[in-house]
PDB file of N, CA and C in Angstrom:
ATOM      1  N   MET A   1      -5.735 -14.039  29.945  1.00  0.00           N
ATOM      2  CA  MET A   1      -4.911 -12.975  30.461  1.00  0.00           C
ATOM      3  C   MET A   1      -4.140 -13.435  31.697  1.00  0.00           C
ATOM      4  N   ASN A   2      -4.817 -14.149  32.576  1.00  0.00           N
ATOM      5  CA  ASN A   2      -4.139 -14.622  33.781  1.00  0.00           C
ATOM      6  C   ASN A   2      -3.033 -15.619  33.455  1.00  0.00           C
ATOM      7  N   LEU A   3      -3.242 -16.443  32.450  1.00  0.00           N
ATOM      8  CA  LEU A   3      -2.193 -17.378  32.035  1.00  0.00           C
ATOM      9  C   LEU A   3      -0.968 -16.606  31.547  1.00  0.00           C
ATOM     10  N   GLY A   4      -1.198 -15.543  30.796  1.00  0.00           N
ATOM     11  CA  GLY A   4      -0.097 -14.711  30.322  1.00  0.00           C
ATOM     12  C   GLY A   4       0.667 -14.071  31.471  1.00  0.00           C
ATOM     13  N   ILE A   5      -0.068 -13.595  32.464  1.00  0.00           N
ATOM     14  CA  ILE A   5       0.576 -12.988  33.631  1.00  0.00           C
ATOM     15  C   ILE A   5       1.423 -14.024  34.368  1.00  0.00           C
ATOM     16  N   LEU A   6       0.902 -15.238  34.503  1.00  0.00           N
ATOM     17  CA  LEU A   6       1.676 -16.295  35.160  1.00  0.00           C
ATOM     18  C   LEU A   6       2.953 -16.612  34.397  1.00  0.00           C
ATOM     19  N   MET A   7       2.866 -16.642  33.073  1.00  0.00           N
ATOM     20  CA  MET A   7       4.052 -16.928  32.270  1.00  0.00           C
ATOM     21  C   MET A   7       5.087 -15.820  32.426  1.00  0.00           C
ATOM     22  N   VAL A   8       4.642 -14.573  32.388  1.00  0.00           N
ATOM     23  CA  VAL A   8       5.559 -13.448  32.564  1.00  0.00           C
ATOM     24  C   VAL A   8       6.129 -13.453  33.980  1.00  0.00           C
ATOM     25  N   GLN A   9       5.291 -13.770  34.970  1.00  0.00           N
ATOM     26  CA  GLN A   9       5.751 -13.815  36.364  1.00  0.00           C
ATOM     27  C   GLN A   9       6.899 -14.805  36.529  1.00  0.00           C
ATOM     28  N   GLY A  10       6.810 -15.944  35.855  1.00  0.00           N
ATOM     29  CA  GLY A  10       7.890 -16.921  35.916  1.00  0.00           C
ATOM     30  C   GLY A  10       9.208 -16.348  35.426  1.00  0.00           C
ATOM     31  N   ARG A  11       9.152 -15.565  34.379  1.00  0.00           N
ATOM     32  CA  ARG A  11      10.367 -14.940  33.845  1.00  0.00           C
ATOM     33  C   ARG A  11      10.832 -13.794  34.751  1.00  0.00           C
ATOM     34  N   ILE A  12       9.896 -13.021  35.262  1.00  0.00           N
ATOM     35  CA  ILE A  12      10.215 -11.890  36.139  1.00  0.00           C
ATOM     36  C   ILE A  12      10.938 -12.357  37.396  1.00  0.00           C
ATOM     37  N   ASN A  13      10.563 -13.516  37.908  1.00  0.00           N
ATOM     38  CA  ASN A  13      11.160 -14.026  39.145  1.00  0.00           C
ATOM     39  C   ASN A  13      12.677 -14.152  39.061  1.00  0.00           C
ATOM     40  N   SER A  14      13.194 -14.326  37.856  1.00  0.00           N
ATOM     41  CA  SER A  14      14.647 -14.482  37.717  1.00  0.00           C
ATOM     42  C   SER A  14      15.398 -13.159  37.873  1.00  0.00           C
ATOM     43  N   PHE A  15      14.695 -12.041  37.924  1.00  0.00           N
ATOM     44  CA  PHE A  15      15.352 -10.731  38.024  1.00  0.00           C
ATOM     45  C   PHE A  15      15.520 -10.228  39.449  1.00  0.00           C
ATOM     46  N   GLY A  16      14.996 -10.945  40.418  1.00  0.00           N
ATOM     47  CA  GLY A  16      15.204 -10.548  41.808  1.00  0.00           C
ATOM     48  C   GLY A  16      13.955 -10.021  42.490  1.00  0.00           C
ATOM     49  N   VAL A  17      14.112  -9.786  43.783  1.00  0.00           N
ATOM     50  CA  VAL A  17      12.987  -9.431  44.650  1.00  0.00           C
ATOM     51  C   VAL A  17      12.377  -8.076  44.282  1.00  0.00           C
ATOM     52  N   ASN A  18      13.210  -7.080  43.980  1.00  0.00           N
ATOM     53  CA  ASN A  18      12.688  -5.747  43.674  1.00  0.00           C
ATOM     54  C   ASN A  18      11.835  -5.752  42.405  1.00  0.00           C
ATOM     55  N   VAL A  19      12.295  -6.428  41.386  1.00  0.00           N
ATOM     56  CA  VAL A  19      11.538  -6.499  40.133  1.00  0.00           C
ATOM     57  C   VAL A  19      10.258  -7.303  40.347  1.00  0.00           C
ATOM     58  N   MET A  20      10.340  -8.361  41.135  1.00  0.00           N
ATOM     59  CA  MET A  20       9.139  -9.153  41.429  1.00  0.00           C
ATOM     60  C   MET A  20       8.087  -8.306  42.143  1.00  0.00           C
ATOM     61  N   ALA A  21       8.525  -7.503  43.115  1.00  0.00           N
ATOM     62  CA  ALA A  21       7.594  -6.650  43.860  1.00  0.00           C
ATOM     63  C   ALA A  21       6.984  -5.588  42.955  1.00  0.00           C
ATOM     64  N   ALA A  22       7.787  -4.998  42.091  1.00  0.00           N
ATOM     65  CA  ALA A  22       7.277  -3.976  41.168  1.00  0.00           C
ATOM     66  C   ALA A  22       6.263  -4.573  40.208  1.00  0.00           C
ATOM     67  N   PHE A  23       6.558  -5.745  39.682  1.00  0.00           N
ATOM     68  CA  PHE A  23       5.635  -6.400  38.751  1.00  0.00           C
ATOM     69  C   PHE A  23       4.333  -6.767  39.455  1.00  0.00           C
ATOM     70  N   SER A  24       4.440  -7.267  40.656  1.00  0.00           N
ATOM     71  CA  SER A  24       3.256  -7.634  41.421  1.00  0.00           C
ATOM     72  C   SER A  24       2.368  -6.412  41.672  1.00  0.00           C
ATOM     73  N   SER A  25       2.975  -5.294  42.021  1.00  0.00           N
ATOM     74  CA  SER A  25       2.217  -4.057  42.230  1.00  0.00           C
ATOM     75  C   SER A  25       1.557  -3.590  40.940  1.00  0.00           C
ATOM     76  N   ALA A  26       2.293  -3.669  39.843  1.00  0.00           N
ATOM     77  CA  ALA A  26       1.739  -3.246  38.556  1.00  0.00           C
ATOM     78  C   ALA A  26       0.557  -4.119  38.144  1.00  0.00           C
ATOM     79  N   VAL A  27       0.636  -5.410  38.408  1.00  0.00           N
ATOM     80  CA  VAL A  27      -0.469  -6.312  38.087  1.00  0.00           C
ATOM     81  C   VAL A  27      -1.704  -5.961  38.909  1.00  0.00           C
ATOM     82  N   LYS A  28      -1.507  -5.608  40.180  1.00  0.00           N
ATOM     83  CA  LYS A  28      -2.636  -5.230  41.031  1.00  0.00           C
ATOM     84  C   LYS A  28      -3.291  -3.947  40.531  1.00  0.00           C
ATOM     85  N   ILE A  29      -2.496  -2.966  40.139  1.00  0.00           N
ATOM     86  CA  ILE A  29      -3.041  -1.720  39.604  1.00  0.00           C
ATOM     87  C   ILE A  29      -3.768  -1.992  38.295  1.00  0.00           C
ATOM     88  N   ASP A  30      -3.190  -2.828  37.450  1.00  0.00           N
ATOM     89  CA  ASP A  30      -3.834  -3.197  36.191  1.00  0.00           C
ATOM     90  C   ASP A  30      -5.182  -3.863  36.448  1.00  0.00           C
ATOM     91  N   THR A  31      -5.231  -4.722  37.438  1.00  0.00           N
ATOM     92  CA  THR A  31      -6.480  -5.399  37.774  1.00  0.00           C
ATOM     93  C   THR A  31      -7.524  -4.410  38.267  1.00  0.00           C
ATOM     94  N   LEU A  32      -7.115  -3.451  39.091  1.00  0.00           N
ATOM     95  CA  LEU A  32      -8.046  -2.426  39.559  1.00  0.00           C
ATOM     96  C   LEU A  32      -8.603  -1.603  38.398  1.00  0.00           C
ATOM     97  N   ALA A  33      -7.764  -1.323  37.421  1.00  0.00           N
ATOM     98  CA  ALA A  33      -8.203  -0.522  36.276  1.00  0.00           C
ATOM     99  C   ALA A  33      -9.036  -1.344  35.299  1.00  0.00           C
ATOM    100  N   TYR A  34      -8.707  -2.610  35.146  1.00  0.00           N
ATOM    101  CA  TYR A  34      -9.343  -3.438  34.119  1.00  0.00           C
ATOM    102  C   TYR A  34     -10.669  -4.043  34.560  1.00  0.00           C
ATOM    103  N   SER A  35     -10.804  -4.370  35.824  1.00  0.00           N
ATOM    104  CA  SER A  35     -12.002  -5.068  36.297  1.00  0.00           C
ATOM    105  C   SER A  35     -13.301  -4.318  36.011  1.00  0.00           C
ATOM    106  N   PRO A  36     -13.383  -3.005  36.277  1.00  0.00           N
ATOM    107  CA  PRO A  36     -14.632  -2.311  35.954  1.00  0.00           C
ATOM    108  C   PRO A  36     -14.958  -2.321  34.462  1.00  0.00           C
ATOM    109  N   VAL A  37     -13.943  -2.237  33.616  1.00  0.00           N
ATOM    110  CA  VAL A  37     -14.182  -2.279  32.173  1.00  0.00           C
ATOM    111  C   VAL A  37     -14.728  -3.647  31.769  1.00  0.00           C
ATOM    112  N   GLN A  38     -14.192  -4.685  32.372  1.00  0.00           N
ATOM    113  CA  GLN A  38     -14.683  -6.034  32.107  1.00  0.00           C
ATOM    114  C   GLN A  38     -16.144  -6.156  32.554  1.00  0.00           C
ATOM    115  N   ASP A  39     -16.478  -5.536  33.671  1.00  0.00           N
ATOM    116  CA  ASP A  39     -17.857  -5.575  34.153  1.00  0.00           C
ATOM    117  C   ASP A  39     -18.799  -4.805  33.231  1.00  0.00           C
ATOM    118  N   PHE A  40     -18.316  -3.711  32.645  1.00  0.00           N
ATOM    119  CA  PHE A  40     -19.116  -3.022  31.631  1.00  0.00           C
ATOM    120  C   PHE A  40     -19.456  -3.992  30.496  1.00  0.00           C
ATOM    121  N   GLY A  41     -18.477  -4.737  30.057  1.00  0.00           N
ATOM    122  CA  GLY A  41     -18.692  -5.703  28.979  1.00  0.00           C
ATOM    123  C   GLY A  41     -19.681  -6.788  29.363  1.00  0.00           C
ATOM    124  N   ASN A  42     -19.578  -7.282  30.582  1.00  0.00           N
ATOM    125  CA  ASN A  42     -20.523  -8.299  31.049  1.00  0.00           C
ATOM    126  C   ASN A  42     -21.947  -7.756  31.086  1.00  0.00           C
ATOM    127  N   ALA A  43     -22.110  -6.549  31.603  1.00  0.00           N
ATOM    128  CA  ALA A  43     -23.444  -5.943  31.680  1.00  0.00           C
ATOM    129  C   ALA A  43     -23.994  -5.672  30.289  1.00  0.00           C
ATOM    130  N   TYR A  44     -23.129  -5.201  29.403  1.00  0.00           N
ATOM    131  CA  TYR A  44     -23.596  -4.877  28.049  1.00  0.00           C
ATOM    132  C   TYR A  44     -24.001  -6.138  27.284  1.00  0.00           C
ATOM    133  N   SER A  45     -23.272  -7.219  27.452  1.00  0.00           N
ATOM    134  CA  SER A  45     -23.641  -8.452  26.746  1.00  0.00           C
ATOM    135  C   SER A  45     -24.998  -8.962  27.226  1.00  0.00           C
ATOM    136  N   THR A  46     -25.285  -8.806  28.519  1.00  0.00           N
ATOM    137  CA  THR A  46     -26.599  -9.182  29.039  1.00  0.00           C
ATOM    138  C   THR A  46     -27.676  -8.281  28.459  1.00  0.00           C
ATOM    139  N   PHE A  47     -27.399  -6.984  28.401  1.00  0.00           N
ATOM    140  CA  PHE A  47     -28.335  -6.022  27.823  1.00  0.00           C
ATOM    141  C   PHE A  47     -28.668  -6.381  26.376  1.00  0.00           C
ATOM    142  N   VAL A  48     -27.636  -6.672  25.588  1.00  0.00           N
ATOM    143  CA  VAL A  48     -27.844  -7.017  24.185  1.00  0.00           C
ATOM    144  C   VAL A  48     -28.632  -8.316  24.060  1.00  0.00           C
ATOM    145  N   ALA A  49     -28.282  -9.312  24.855  1.00  0.00           N
ATOM    146  CA  ALA A  49     -28.983 -10.596  24.787  1.00  0.00           C
ATOM    147  C   ALA A  49     -30.459 -10.445  25.117  1.00  0.00           C
ATOM    148  N   GLN A  50     -30.774  -9.677  26.135  1.00  0.00           N
ATOM    149  CA  GLN A  50     -32.172  -9.492  26.515  1.00  0.00           C
ATOM    150  C   GLN A  50     -32.946  -8.740  25.433  1.00  0.00           C
ATOM    151  N   ASN A  51     -32.343  -7.714  24.885  1.00  0.00           N
ATOM    152  CA  ASN A  51     -33.035  -6.944  23.862  1.00  0.00           C
ATOM    153  C   ASN A  51     -33.087  -7.669  22.529  1.00  0.00           C
ATOM    154  N   TYR A  52     -32.105  -8.495  22.260  1.00  0.00           N
ATOM    155  CA  TYR A  52     -32.155  -9.321  21.049  1.00  0.00           C
ATOM    156  C   TYR A  52     -33.296 -10.327  21.165  1.00  0.00           C
ATOM    157  N   GLY A  53     -33.416 -10.931  22.327  1.00  0.00           N
ATOM    158  CA  GLY A  53     -34.499 -11.874  22.558  1.00  0.00           C
ATOM    159  C   GLY A  53     -35.860 -11.218  22.465  1.00  0.00           C
ATOM    160  N   ALA A  54     -35.938  -9.956  22.877  1.00  0.00           N
ATOM    161  CA  ALA A  54     -37.202  -9.209  22.810  1.00  0.00           C
ATOM    162  C   ALA A  54     -37.387  -8.548  21.446  1.00  0.00           C
ATOM    163  N   GLN A  55     -36.460  -8.786  20.535  1.00  0.00           N
ATOM    164  CA  GLN A  55     -36.482  -8.230  19.177  1.00  0.00           C
ATOM    165  C   GLN A  55     -36.554  -6.702  19.197  1.00  0.00           C
ATOM    166  N   GLN A  56     -35.718  -6.116  20.023  1.00  0.00           N
ATOM    167  CA  GLN A  56     -35.651  -4.659  20.172  1.00  0.00           C
ATOM    168  C   GLN A  56     -34.328  -4.137  19.611  1.00  0.00           C
ATOM    169  N   ALA A  57     -34.156  -4.246  18.297  1.00  0.00           N
ATOM    170  CA  ALA A  57     -32.904  -3.842  17.654  1.00  0.00           C
ATOM    171  C   ALA A  57     -32.614  -2.360  17.863  1.00  0.00           C
ATOM    172  N   ASP A  58     -33.654  -1.537  17.913  1.00  0.00           N
ATOM    173  CA  ASP A  58     -33.445  -0.099  18.113  1.00  0.00           C
ATOM    174  C   ASP A  58     -32.841   0.190  19.490  1.00  0.00           C
ATOM    175  N   ARG A  59     -33.259  -0.558  20.507  1.00  0.00           N
ATOM    176  CA  ARG A  59     -32.688  -0.380  21.849  1.00  0.00           C
ATOM    177  C   ARG A  59     -31.226  -0.829  21.876  1.00  0.00           C
ATOM    178  N   ILE A  60     -30.899  -1.866  21.112  1.00  0.00           N
ATOM    179  CA  ILE A  60     -29.506  -2.328  21.047  1.00  0.00           C
ATOM    180  C   ILE A  60     -28.631  -1.239  20.439  1.00  0.00           C
ATOM    181  N   LYS A  61     -29.104  -0.613  19.360  1.00  0.00           N
ATOM    182  CA  LYS A  61     -28.321   0.461  18.726  1.00  0.00           C
ATOM    183  C   LYS A  61     -28.143   1.641  19.672  1.00  0.00           C
ATOM    184  N   GLN A  62     -29.214   2.040  20.333  1.00  0.00           N
ATOM    185  CA  GLN A  62     -29.135   3.144  21.279  1.00  0.00           C
ATOM    186  C   GLN A  62     -28.215   2.787  22.449  1.00  0.00           C
ATOM    187  N   GLY A  63     -28.350   1.582  22.957  1.00  0.00           N
ATOM    188  CA  GLY A  63     -27.498   1.126  24.049  1.00  0.00           C
ATOM    189  C   GLY A  63     -26.042   1.052  23.649  1.00  0.00           C
ATOM    190  N   ASN A  64     -25.794   0.683  22.393  1.00  0.00           N
ATOM    191  CA  ASN A  64     -24.425   0.610  21.891  1.00  0.00           C
ATOM    192  C   ASN A  64     -23.773   1.990  21.926  1.00  0.00           C
ATOM    193  N   ARG A  65     -24.502   3.003  21.484  1.00  0.00           N
ATOM    194  CA  ARG A  65     -23.954   4.367  21.508  1.00  0.00           C
ATOM    195  C   ARG A  65     -23.701   4.828  22.943  1.00  0.00           C
ATOM    196  N   GLN A  66     -24.675   4.623  23.807  1.00  0.00           N
ATOM    197  CA  GLN A  66     -24.516   5.069  25.192  1.00  0.00           C
ATOM    198  C   GLN A  66     -23.400   4.309  25.909  1.00  0.00           C
ATOM    199  N   ALA A  67     -23.358   3.004  25.726  1.00  0.00           N
ATOM    200  CA  ALA A  67     -22.318   2.204  26.379  1.00  0.00           C
ATOM    201  C   ALA A  67     -20.934   2.599  25.879  1.00  0.00           C
ATOM    202  N   SER A  68     -20.815   2.857  24.589  1.00  0.00           N
ATOM    203  CA  SER A  68     -19.519   3.258  24.032  1.00  0.00           C
ATOM    204  C   SER A  68     -19.031   4.550  24.659  1.00  0.00           C
ATOM    205  N   TRP A  69     -19.910   5.519  24.812  1.00  0.00           N
ATOM    206  CA  TRP A  69     -19.517   6.790  25.425  1.00  0.00           C
ATOM    207  C   TRP A  69     -19.155   6.622  26.892  1.00  0.00           C
ATOM    208  N   TRP A  70     -19.932   5.842  27.632  1.00  0.00           N
ATOM    209  CA  TRP A  70     -19.637   5.631  29.047  1.00  0.00           C
ATOM    210  C   TRP A  70     -18.310   4.898  29.230  1.00  0.00           C
ATOM    211  N   ILE A  71     -18.079   3.887  28.416  1.00  0.00           N
ATOM    212  CA  ILE A  71     -16.832   3.138  28.520  1.00  0.00           C
ATOM    213  C   ILE A  71     -15.645   4.017  28.140  1.00  0.00           C
ATOM    214  N   LEU A  72     -15.801   4.808  27.091  1.00  0.00           N
ATOM    215  CA  LEU A  72     -14.732   5.723  26.686  1.00  0.00           C
ATOM    216  C   LEU A  72     -14.423   6.715  27.811  1.00  0.00           C
ATOM    217  N   ALA A  73     -15.469   7.291  28.401  1.00  0.00           N
ATOM    218  CA  ALA A  73     -15.269   8.251  29.487  1.00  0.00           C
ATOM    219  C   ALA A  73     -14.579   7.584  30.679  1.00  0.00           C
ATOM    220  N   PHE A  74     -15.039   6.396  31.039  1.00  0.00           N
ATOM    221  CA  PHE A  74     -14.425   5.695  32.163  1.00  0.00           C
ATOM    222  C   PHE A  74     -12.965   5.379  31.874  1.00  0.00           C
ATOM    223  N   CYS A  75     -12.686   4.896  30.675  1.00  0.00           N
ATOM    224  CA  CYS A  75     -11.302   4.544  30.328  1.00  0.00           C
ATOM    225  C   CYS A  75     -10.392   5.768  30.345  1.00  0.00           C
ATOM    226  N   LEU A  76     -10.905   6.904  29.889  1.00  0.00           N
ATOM    227  CA  LEU A  76     -10.096   8.130  29.944  1.00  0.00           C
ATOM    228  C   LEU A  76      -9.806   8.533  31.388  1.00  0.00           C
ATOM    229  N   VAL A  77     -10.809   8.425  32.242  1.00  0.00           N
ATOM    230  CA  VAL A  77     -10.615   8.788  33.649  1.00  0.00           C
ATOM    231  C   VAL A  77      -9.630   7.833  34.321  1.00  0.00           C
ATOM    232  N   ILE A  78      -9.845   6.544  34.174  1.00  0.00           N
ATOM    233  CA  ILE A  78      -8.977   5.574  34.852  1.00  0.00           C
ATOM    234  C   ILE A  78      -7.555   5.618  34.285  1.00  0.00           C
ATOM    235  N   SER A  79      -7.426   5.837  32.986  1.00  0.00           N
ATOM    236  CA  SER A  79      -6.091   5.951  32.391  1.00  0.00           C
ATOM    237  C   SER A  79      -5.370   7.180  32.916  1.00  0.00           C
ATOM    238  N   SER A  80      -6.093   8.279  33.043  1.00  0.00           N
ATOM    239  CA  SER A  80      -5.488   9.497  33.593  1.00  0.00           C
ATOM    240  C   SER A  80      -5.040   9.277  35.032  1.00  0.00           C
ATOM    241  N   LEU A  81      -5.873   8.616  35.810  1.00  0.00           N
ATOM    242  CA  LEU A  81      -5.498   8.335  37.192  1.00  0.00           C
ATOM    243  C   LEU A  81      -4.243   7.486  37.267  1.00  0.00           C
ATOM    244  N   VAL A  82      -4.170   6.460  36.436  1.00  0.00           N
ATOM    245  CA  VAL A  82      -3.010   5.567  36.464  1.00  0.00           C
ATOM    246  C   VAL A  82      -1.747   6.302  36.014  1.00  0.00           C
ATOM    247  N   VAL A  83      -1.880   7.160  35.010  1.00  0.00           N
ATOM    248  CA  VAL A  83      -0.703   7.871  34.505  1.00  0.00           C
ATOM    249  C   VAL A  83      -0.241   8.948  35.485  1.00  0.00           C
ATOM    250  N   PHE A  84      -1.173   9.773  35.950  1.00  0.00           N
ATOM    251  CA  PHE A  84      -0.784  10.924  36.761  1.00  0.00           C
ATOM    252  C   PHE A  84      -0.642  10.616  38.253  1.00  0.00           C
ATOM    253  N   TRP A  85      -1.176   9.508  38.702  1.00  0.00           N
ATOM    254  CA  TRP A  85      -1.096   9.136  40.115  1.00  0.00           C
ATOM    255  C   TRP A  85      -0.338   7.822  40.282  1.00  0.00           C
ATOM    256  N   ALA A  86       0.620   7.579  39.431  1.00  0.00           N
ATOM    257  CA  ALA A  86       1.343   6.306  39.453  1.00  0.00           C
ATOM    258  C   ALA A  86       2.038   6.057  40.795  1.00  0.00           C
ATOM    259  N   LYS A  87       2.750   7.043  41.301  1.00  0.00           N
ATOM    260  CA  LYS A  87       3.484   6.841  42.558  1.00  0.00           C
ATOM    261  C   LYS A  87       2.548   6.597  43.749  1.00  0.00           C
ATOM    262  N   PRO A  88       1.480   7.387  43.920  1.00  0.00           N
ATOM    263  CA  PRO A  88       0.572   7.070  45.037  1.00  0.00           C
ATOM    264  C   PRO A  88      -0.087   5.703  44.891  1.00  0.00           C
ATOM    265  N   LEU A  89      -0.384   5.312  43.677  1.00  0.00           N
ATOM    266  CA  LEU A  89      -0.970   3.989  43.471  1.00  0.00           C
ATOM    267  C   LEU A  89       0.025   2.894  43.834  1.00  0.00           C
ATOM    268  N   LEU A  90       1.262   3.060  43.421  1.00  0.00           N
ATOM    269  CA  LEU A  90       2.286   2.080  43.779  1.00  0.00           C
ATOM    270  C   LEU A  90       2.501   2.043  45.288  1.00  0.00           C
ATOM    271  N   ALA A  91       2.372   3.184  45.936  1.00  0.00           N
ATOM    272  CA  ALA A  91       2.558   3.237  47.386  1.00  0.00           C
ATOM    273  C   ALA A  91       1.490   2.437  48.124  1.00  0.00           C
ATOM    274  N   LEU A  92       0.339   2.225  47.493  1.00  0.00           N
ATOM    275  CA  LEU A  92      -0.694   1.394  48.106  1.00  0.00           C
ATOM    276  C   LEU A  92      -0.238  -0.058  48.259  1.00  0.00           C
ATOM    277  N   PHE A  93       0.624  -0.506  47.358  1.00  0.00           N
ATOM    278  CA  PHE A  93       1.015  -1.910  47.303  1.00  0.00           C
ATOM    279  C   PHE A  93       2.475  -2.157  47.647  1.00  0.00           C
ATOM    280  N   SER A  94       3.227  -1.105  47.844  1.00  0.00           N
ATOM    281  CA  SER A  94       4.654  -1.268  48.099  1.00  0.00           C
ATOM    282  C   SER A  94       5.137  -0.168  49.039  1.00  0.00           C
ATOM    283  N   SER A  95       6.067  -0.490  49.895  1.00  0.00           N
ATOM    284  CA  SER A  95       6.610   0.514  50.806  1.00  0.00           C
ATOM    285  C   SER A  95       7.680   1.381  50.125  1.00  0.00           C
ATOM    286  N   ASP A  96       8.131   0.969  48.940  1.00  0.00           N
ATOM    287  CA  ASP A  96       9.196   1.700  48.231  1.00  0.00           C
ATOM    288  C   ASP A  96       8.837   1.844  46.748  1.00  0.00           C
ATOM    289  N   PRO A  97       7.931   2.809  46.434  1.00  0.00           N
ATOM    290  CA  PRO A  97       7.521   2.942  45.031  1.00  0.00           C
ATOM    291  C   PRO A  97       8.624   3.490  44.171  1.00  0.00           C
TER     292      PRO A  97
END
């Protein structure tokens, strides 16, 4: 993902300072929204590995259902925040949202 952002950043730079600043702010907001979801995945993979090693398939199934609901709820909340609070979020990273 970071390689893709770097490639896009190279192209964005040709559009000028304002577009570069907007893209940079958007990447920061994306990172704030994406990082917790990535951490959910890291925690869940550890959970599955430990329970697989302990031969607890029933706990993996139960954990899968619970993790799916928690991740869905978190994604709905963070997506709503990003959509409905776009200008205040941009104001955190830019003086001219």
